Amino acid sequence: MATLTAEESLNYLYSLIPKGIKLGLKNISAVLNELGNPQLNTPSIHIAGTNGKGSTAAFCESILRNAGYKVGLYTSPHLNHFGERIQINRIPLSESEVIQLVAKVKNVVENLKIPITFFEFGTAMAFLHFAEQETDVNVIEVGMGGRLDATSLCKGDITIITSIAKDHTSYLGSKIEEITFEKASVIKEGGTVFAIKGSKKVHEVIKNISDQKSANAQFLGEHFVVEKTLGKSSPLLITYQNHDVCLKDLELSLAGGFQASNAALALSACLHHARKTGKEISEQSIRTSLKNTSWAGRMEVISSRPTILLDIAHNPAAVKEMAKSAQKLFSYTRVIVIYGAMKDKQSDEMLQKL
C-alpha cells in the first residue's frame, strides 16, 4: 500500500467529517483494541464541561510540564493546522508524524471494516502517539458531552468539570441536568473530580454521580477557593487556597475574569496528580506556569492599533462572559463586531449578549 503524502493524509482525515457526530464507544473501542489499547498506557487528567475546557487544559499542561513531566495534550478544535490538536510538551504533531499516525490508524480501520468519525480517528491518533512517545501524563479534553465521547476511554482517575451551560442540545439534551449528566459521567470509579459548583441542579448531578461511583468530589468554593483582581492596565491576579496551600497574587497570562476559575481547577488537579506520583510542585514553578500559559483564540488581542480582540465563544454563556471581561479590560467608544457561527448555534441569543 502506497504511503500517503501529508496533504493526502489530511484530505483523508477531513473526508471523515461528513460522517458527522455519532456518539458511542463501540467502534472507537474496537479500533483502540486493535492498536493495543494505547489509551491505557498513561494516566490522564480528563477535562469535561461546556466552556473553559481548552484554557483549563492549557493551564494543566503548563503546570505539569514545568514540574518536569512529559505531557501529552489533546484538544479540539484546532485553529491553524491539525497537528495543534495533538501535542507533547506543547510541540504539535509534525507533518511526518501526521503521515505515520494516519497510516497506522487507517490500516486498522480498513481491516476492521467499520465506520469511524473524524473525531474518533483523531482521538485514536492521539492515544497512539502518546503511548509511542511514552508520556508521563496526558491532558485530555472531551470533544462533546462525555459519557459517549471517544476520550472517555482514557486511563486515569482525575477529572475536571468546567462551567456547564446549554450547548449541543440536539445531542446532549435540552435541560441543564441532562447536559450535566452527560458531561459528569466521565467521572471515574473511585477517582477524584474537581468541578465548578454551578447551579443547584448542576451541583446535585455532579455530586450524585460522584457518590454513585465512590468518587471524591471537590468543588470550587467549597474545597478550594480562588479570589481575583481584575484591572484595566494590569494582568489578572488571583489568590488560590486549598487545605494545604495558600498562594497569593498569582499572575495569569490569559485574559478574562473567568480564567480565575479555570486556573484554580487546573492547579487543584495538578497538585493532586503530583501528590499521587510522589512529586512536589514548587510555588515558583506554579507562578511561572500560570504566567506563561498561552492559548490562542481566548480573549486574544491580535492587534493594538486598532484593538482587535479574537475570541471563540460559541454559546450564550461564553459570549456573556467574554463581553463582560472586555468591558472591564478595554476603554472604547465604538465597537465593530464580526460574528460567525455554525448554523446550529443560538446566534440570536449570542448577538443579544454582545
Protein backbone atom coordinates (compact mmCIF):
# COMPACT_ATOMS: atom_id res chain seq x y z
CA MET A 1 0.00 0.00 0.00
CA ALA A 2 1.45 3.36 -1.06
CA THR A 3 2.30 5.84 1.68
CA LEU A 4 0.11 8.93 1.65
CA THR A 5 1.66 12.38 1.48
CA ALA A 6 0.93 14.96 4.19
CA GLU A 7 -1.73 16.58 2.01
CA GLU A 8 -3.30 13.22 1.17
CA SER A 9 -3.28 12.22 4.85
CA LEU A 10 -5.12 15.40 5.82
CA ASN A 11 -7.54 15.05 2.92
CA TYR A 12 -8.34 11.55 4.13
CA LEU A 13 -8.91 12.83 7.65
CA TYR A 14 -11.18 15.64 6.52
CA SER A 15 -13.12 13.24 4.31
CA LEU A 16 -14.39 11.70 7.55
CA ILE A 17 -16.09 14.93 8.65
CA PRO A 18 -19.27 14.33 6.57
CA LYS A 19 -19.82 11.19 8.65
CA GLY A 20 -20.93 13.66 11.31
CA ILE A 21 -21.12 13.15 15.05
CA LYS A 22 -22.00 9.66 16.19
CA LEU A 23 -21.84 9.34 19.94
CA GLY A 24 -20.96 5.84 21.10
CA LEU A 25 -17.94 3.79 22.08
CA LYS A 26 -18.31 0.55 20.12
CA ASN A 27 -16.29 1.49 17.04
CA ILE A 28 -13.56 3.50 18.75
CA SER A 29 -13.16 0.71 21.32
CA ALA A 30 -12.60 -1.81 18.53
CA VAL A 31 -10.01 0.40 16.84
CA LEU A 32 -8.13 1.08 20.08
CA ASN A 33 -8.18 -2.60 20.99
CA GLU A 34 -6.61 -3.46 17.63
CA LEU A 35 -3.94 -0.80 18.26
CA GLY A 36 -3.08 -2.41 21.60
CA ASN A 37 -5.20 -0.09 23.77
CA PRO A 38 -2.66 2.75 23.88
CA GLN A 39 -5.09 4.85 25.94
CA LEU A 40 -4.31 2.63 28.93
CA ASN A 41 -0.56 3.26 28.92
CA THR A 42 -0.52 6.61 30.68
CA PRO A 43 -2.63 8.30 33.38
CA SER A 44 -4.72 11.21 32.17
CA ILE A 45 -6.37 14.30 33.53
CA HIS A 46 -9.73 14.28 31.74
CA ILE A 47 -11.49 17.61 31.20
CA ALA A 48 -15.23 17.92 30.52
CA GLY A 49 -17.59 20.90 30.57
CA THR A 50 -19.17 23.43 28.23
CA ASN A 51 -16.85 26.43 28.45
CA GLY A 52 -13.23 26.75 29.52
CA LYS A 53 -12.02 23.24 28.69
CA GLY A 54 -9.26 24.39 26.36
CA SER A 55 -7.94 27.08 28.68
CA THR A 56 -8.05 24.70 31.64
CA ALA A 57 -6.17 22.11 29.59
CA ALA A 58 -3.54 24.71 28.70
CA PHE A 59 -3.08 25.63 32.37
CA CYS A 60 -2.77 21.94 33.30
CA GLU A 61 -0.21 21.28 30.58
CA SER A 62 1.90 24.27 31.57
CA ILE A 63 1.90 23.40 35.28
CA LEU A 64 2.78 19.74 34.69
CA ARG A 65 5.44 20.43 32.05
CA ASN A 66 7.20 23.00 34.22
CA ALA A 67 7.13 20.48 37.08
CA GLY A 68 9.18 18.08 34.95
CA TYR A 69 6.52 15.80 33.49
CA LYS A 70 6.45 14.81 29.82
CA VAL A 71 2.92 15.91 28.96
CA GLY A 72 0.62 14.81 26.17
CA LEU A 73 -2.09 17.34 25.28
CA TYR A 74 -5.17 16.50 23.21
CA THR A 75 -7.63 19.30 22.47
CA SER A 76 -10.09 20.32 19.78
CA PRO A 77 -10.76 22.02 17.50
CA HIS A 78 -7.54 23.39 16.01
CA LEU A 79 -7.13 26.96 14.79
CA ASN A 80 -4.44 26.75 12.12
CA HIS A 81 -3.45 23.14 11.44
CA PHE A 82 -4.47 19.66 12.53
CA GLY A 83 -1.23 18.99 14.41
CA GLU A 84 -2.26 21.52 17.08
CA ARG A 85 -4.77 19.00 18.41
CA ILE A 86 -2.07 16.54 19.47
CA GLN A 87 0.95 17.94 21.29
CA ILE A 88 3.73 16.74 23.56
CA ASN A 89 5.29 19.40 25.77
CA ARG A 90 3.46 21.95 23.57
CA ILE A 91 5.11 20.68 20.38
CA PRO A 92 2.37 19.89 17.82
CA LEU A 93 2.44 16.89 15.52
CA SER A 94 4.85 17.31 12.63
CA GLU A 95 3.86 16.52 9.05
CA SER A 96 5.80 13.25 9.17
CA GLU A 97 4.08 12.25 12.42
CA VAL A 98 0.67 13.01 10.93
CA ILE A 99 1.52 10.81 7.94
CA GLN A 100 2.69 7.92 10.14
CA LEU A 101 -0.22 8.05 12.56
CA VAL A 102 -2.86 8.37 9.84
CA ALA A 103 -1.37 5.36 8.07
CA LYS A 104 -1.41 3.21 11.21
CA VAL A 105 -4.96 4.07 12.26
CA LYS A 106 -6.27 3.95 8.68
CA ASN A 107 -4.86 0.44 8.25
CA VAL A 108 -6.70 -0.76 11.36
CA VAL A 109 -9.97 0.92 10.39
CA GLU A 110 -9.89 -0.59 6.90
CA ASN A 111 -9.02 -4.06 8.22
CA LEU A 112 -11.89 -3.92 10.71
CA LYS A 113 -14.22 -2.53 8.03
CA ILE A 114 -16.08 -0.30 10.47
CA PRO A 115 -17.13 3.34 10.08
CA ILE A 116 -15.30 5.88 12.20
CA THR A 117 -15.79 9.61 12.62
CA PHE A 118 -13.20 12.36 12.21
CA PHE A 119 -13.04 12.93 15.97
CA GLU A 120 -12.73 9.23 16.77
CA PHE A 121 -9.89 8.90 14.26
CA GLY A 122 -8.07 11.88 15.77
CA THR A 123 -8.56 10.50 19.28
CA ALA A 124 -7.02 7.17 18.25
CA MET A 125 -4.08 9.06 16.74
CA ALA A 126 -3.57 10.99 19.98
CA PHE A 127 -3.63 7.95 22.23
CA LEU A 128 -1.27 6.07 19.91
CA HIS A 129 1.17 8.98 19.67
CA PHE A 130 1.29 9.50 23.43
CA ALA A 131 1.89 5.78 24.01
CA GLU A 132 4.65 5.60 21.41
CA GLN A 133 6.37 8.68 22.82
CA GLU A 134 5.97 7.43 26.41
CA THR A 135 4.42 10.49 28.01
CA ASP A 136 4.25 10.69 31.80
CA VAL A 137 0.75 12.15 31.94
CA ASN A 138 -1.84 13.20 29.37
CA VAL A 139 -4.25 16.11 29.49
CA ILE A 140 -7.32 15.08 27.52
CA GLU A 141 -10.16 17.41 26.55
CA VAL A 142 -13.58 15.88 25.90
CA GLY A 143 -14.88 16.51 22.38
CA MET A 144 -18.59 16.74 23.18
CA GLY A 145 -20.58 15.59 26.17
CA GLY A 146 -18.52 12.92 27.88
CA ARG A 147 -20.41 9.73 28.58
CA LEU A 148 -20.25 8.53 24.97
CA ASP A 149 -17.27 10.62 23.87
CA ALA A 150 -14.27 8.76 22.44
CA THR A 151 -11.96 10.32 25.03
CA SER A 152 -13.88 8.67 27.88
CA LEU A 153 -11.83 5.52 27.31
CA CYS A 154 -8.69 7.19 28.67
CA LYS A 155 -6.96 5.85 31.77
CA GLY A 156 -6.78 7.92 34.93
CA ASP A 157 -8.80 8.84 37.97
CA ILE A 158 -8.62 12.65 37.83
CA THR A 159 -11.48 14.53 36.19
CA ILE A 160 -12.09 18.24 35.80
CA ILE A 161 -15.55 19.64 35.06
CA THR A 162 -15.53 23.27 33.96
CA SER A 163 -18.58 25.53 33.73
CA ILE A 164 -21.67 23.92 32.25
CA ALA A 165 -24.22 25.67 30.04
CA LYS A 166 -26.65 24.77 27.27
CA ASP A 167 -24.89 23.74 24.06
CA HIS A 168 -25.18 20.86 21.57
CA THR A 169 -28.73 20.37 22.86
CA SER A 170 -29.71 18.12 19.93
CA TYR A 171 -27.15 15.60 21.17
CA LEU A 172 -26.92 16.18 24.92
CA GLY A 173 -30.47 17.18 25.85
CA SER A 174 -32.29 20.48 26.34
CA LYS A 175 -32.26 20.55 30.15
CA ILE A 176 -29.19 21.60 32.11
CA GLU A 177 -29.39 18.49 34.29
CA GLU A 178 -29.38 16.27 31.18
CA ILE A 179 -26.32 18.06 29.82
CA THR A 180 -24.59 17.83 33.20
CA PHE A 181 -25.29 14.09 33.38
CA GLU A 182 -23.64 13.51 30.01
CA LYS A 183 -20.57 15.51 31.00
CA ALA A 184 -20.22 14.31 34.59
CA SER A 185 -20.48 10.69 33.51
CA VAL A 186 -16.75 10.80 32.67
CA ILE A 187 -16.02 10.74 36.42
CA LYS A 188 -14.07 7.55 37.12
CA GLU A 189 -14.90 4.91 39.71
CA GLY A 190 -13.06 5.76 42.92
CA GLY A 191 -11.50 8.81 41.30
CA THR A 192 -11.38 12.50 42.15
CA VAL A 193 -13.28 15.23 40.34
CA PHE A 194 -12.56 18.95 40.56
CA ALA A 195 -15.61 20.91 39.48
CA ILE A 196 -17.22 24.31 39.31
CA LYS A 197 -20.24 24.13 41.58
CA GLY A 198 -22.59 25.83 39.14
CA SER A 199 -26.33 25.98 39.74
CA LYS A 200 -28.11 23.81 42.29
CA LYS A 201 -29.14 21.35 39.56
CA VAL A 202 -25.60 21.11 38.17
CA HIS A 203 -24.13 20.61 41.64
CA GLU A 204 -26.65 17.90 42.52
CA VAL A 205 -25.98 15.89 39.36
CA ILE A 206 -22.20 16.01 39.78
CA LYS A 207 -22.48 15.10 43.47
CA ASN A 208 -24.89 12.22 42.79
CA ILE A 209 -22.69 10.71 40.08
CA SER A 210 -19.64 11.10 42.31
CA ASP A 211 -21.41 9.32 45.16
CA GLN A 212 -22.57 6.51 42.86
CA LYS A 213 -19.00 5.98 41.67
CA SER A 214 -17.42 6.39 45.13
CA ALA A 215 -15.52 9.36 43.74
CA ASN A 216 -14.21 12.30 45.75
CA ALA A 217 -15.97 15.46 44.54
CA GLN A 218 -14.01 18.67 45.16
CA PHE A 219 -15.98 21.83 44.35
CA LEU A 220 -14.61 25.30 43.72
CA GLY A 221 -15.88 27.49 46.53
CA GLU A 222 -16.22 24.58 48.95
CA HIS A 223 -12.99 22.57 48.95
CA PHE A 224 -10.71 25.09 47.26
CA VAL A 225 -11.17 28.79 46.59
CA VAL A 226 -9.92 31.48 44.27
CA GLU A 227 -10.16 35.26 44.51
CA LYS A 228 -9.40 37.59 41.62
CA THR A 229 -8.35 41.16 41.00
CA LEU A 230 -9.17 42.43 37.52
CA GLY A 231 -7.59 45.70 36.46
CA LYS A 232 -7.59 47.53 33.15
CA SER A 233 -3.85 48.02 32.91
CA SER A 234 -2.58 45.02 34.82
CA PRO A 235 -2.82 41.26 34.33
CA LEU A 236 -5.32 39.17 36.24
CA LEU A 237 -4.01 38.31 39.70
CA ILE A 238 -5.54 35.54 41.76
CA THR A 239 -5.17 34.09 45.23
CA TYR A 240 -5.61 30.32 45.38
CA GLN A 241 -6.19 28.31 48.53
CA ASN A 242 -6.94 24.68 49.36
CA HIS A 243 -6.49 22.65 52.55
CA ASP A 244 -2.70 22.53 52.02
CA VAL A 245 -1.56 25.78 50.42
CA CYS A 246 -2.36 29.46 50.06
CA LEU A 247 -0.78 31.16 47.05
CA LYS A 248 -1.25 34.91 46.75
CA ASP A 249 -1.01 37.19 43.72
CA LEU A 250 -0.59 34.51 41.07
CA GLU A 251 -0.40 36.23 37.69
CA LEU A 252 -2.41 34.78 34.80
CA SER A 253 -1.35 35.44 31.24
CA LEU A 254 -4.78 34.52 29.84
CA ALA A 255 -7.16 37.48 29.92
CA GLY A 256 -10.71 37.44 31.26
CA GLY A 257 -12.04 37.16 34.77
CA PHE A 258 -13.43 33.70 34.04
CA GLN A 259 -9.86 32.37 33.73
CA ALA A 260 -9.53 32.50 37.52
CA SER A 261 -11.85 29.51 37.88
CA ASN A 262 -10.11 27.63 35.06
CA ALA A 263 -6.70 28.18 36.65
CA ALA A 264 -7.98 27.05 40.06
CA LEU A 265 -9.41 23.84 38.61
CA ALA A 266 -6.17 23.10 36.77
CA LEU A 267 -3.99 23.85 39.77
CA SER A 268 -6.10 21.63 42.05
CA ALA A 269 -5.92 18.71 39.62
CA CYS A 270 -2.17 19.07 39.03
CA LEU A 271 -1.34 19.31 42.72
CA HIS A 272 -3.42 16.18 43.29
CA HIS A 273 -1.62 14.34 40.48
CA ALA A 274 1.77 15.41 41.87
CA ARG A 275 0.89 14.03 45.31
CA LYS A 276 -0.20 10.74 43.77
CA THR A 277 3.04 10.42 41.80
CA GLY A 278 5.35 11.48 44.62
CA LYS A 279 6.36 14.84 43.18
CA GLU A 280 6.26 18.30 44.66
CA ILE A 281 5.41 21.30 42.51
CA SER A 282 7.18 24.36 43.85
CA GLU A 283 5.45 27.70 44.29
CA GLN A 284 7.86 29.30 41.82
CA SER A 285 7.07 26.64 39.23
CA ILE A 286 3.35 27.32 39.67
CA ARG A 287 3.84 31.07 39.31
CA THR A 288 5.93 30.64 36.16
CA SER A 289 3.46 28.19 34.66
CA LEU A 290 0.36 30.35 35.13
CA LYS A 291 2.16 33.50 33.99
CA ASN A 292 3.40 31.85 30.78
CA THR A 293 0.36 29.79 29.76
CA SER A 294 -0.75 30.60 26.22
CA TRP A 295 -3.94 29.58 24.41
CA ALA A 296 -4.87 31.16 21.10
CA GLY A 297 -8.37 32.47 20.44
CA ARG A 298 -9.30 33.14 24.06
CA MET A 299 -9.61 36.89 24.67
CA GLU A 300 -6.60 37.16 22.37
CA VAL A 301 -5.53 40.65 21.29
CA ILE A 302 -4.25 40.23 17.73
CA SER A 303 -3.81 43.96 17.05
CA SER A 304 -3.32 47.00 19.28
CA ARG A 305 -3.91 49.78 16.69
CA PRO A 306 -6.79 49.39 16.38
CA THR A 307 -7.51 46.97 19.22
CA ILE A 308 -8.77 43.73 17.71
CA LEU A 309 -9.95 41.03 20.07
CA LEU A 310 -10.33 37.42 18.93
CA ASP A 311 -12.44 35.01 20.95
CA ILE A 312 -14.01 31.67 20.09
CA ALA A 313 -17.02 31.97 22.40
CA HIS A 314 -19.70 29.83 20.77
CA ASN A 315 -22.68 29.77 23.13
CA PRO A 316 -24.62 32.46 25.02
CA ALA A 317 -22.95 31.83 28.38
CA ALA A 318 -19.46 32.13 26.89
CA VAL A 319 -20.33 35.26 24.90
CA LYS A 320 -21.76 36.89 28.03
CA GLU A 321 -18.55 36.26 30.00
CA MET A 322 -16.38 37.43 27.12
CA ALA A 323 -18.34 40.68 26.74
CA LYS A 324 -18.26 41.32 30.49
CA SER A 325 -14.48 40.87 30.61
CA ALA A 326 -13.95 43.03 27.52
CA GLN A 327 -15.88 45.89 29.15
CA LYS A 328 -13.55 45.76 32.14
CA LEU A 329 -10.32 45.34 30.19
CA PHE A 330 -10.75 47.88 27.39
CA SER A 331 -11.80 51.52 27.03
CA TYR A 332 -13.77 52.21 23.86
CA THR A 333 -16.46 54.46 22.39
CA ARG A 334 -17.36 52.33 19.37
CA VAL A 335 -17.30 48.59 18.78
CA ILE A 336 -17.37 46.72 15.49
CA VAL A 337 -18.34 43.07 15.82
CA ILE A 338 -17.53 40.45 13.19
CA TYR A 339 -19.51 37.38 14.14
CA GLY A 340 -19.59 33.89 12.70
CA ALA A 341 -21.14 30.66 13.93
CA MET A 342 -22.31 27.26 12.79
CA LYS A 343 -25.95 27.17 11.77
CA ASP A 344 -26.94 25.03 14.77
CA LYS A 345 -25.76 27.66 17.27
CA GLN A 346 -28.01 30.04 19.24
CA SER A 347 -26.99 33.06 17.17
CA ASP A 348 -29.87 35.37 18.10
CA GLU A 349 -29.25 34.93 21.82
CA MET A 350 -25.49 35.29 21.42
CA LEU A 351 -25.82 38.53 19.46
CA GLN A 352 -28.09 39.91 22.17
CA LYS A 353 -25.30 39.31 24.70
CA LEU A 354 -22.98 41.45 22.59
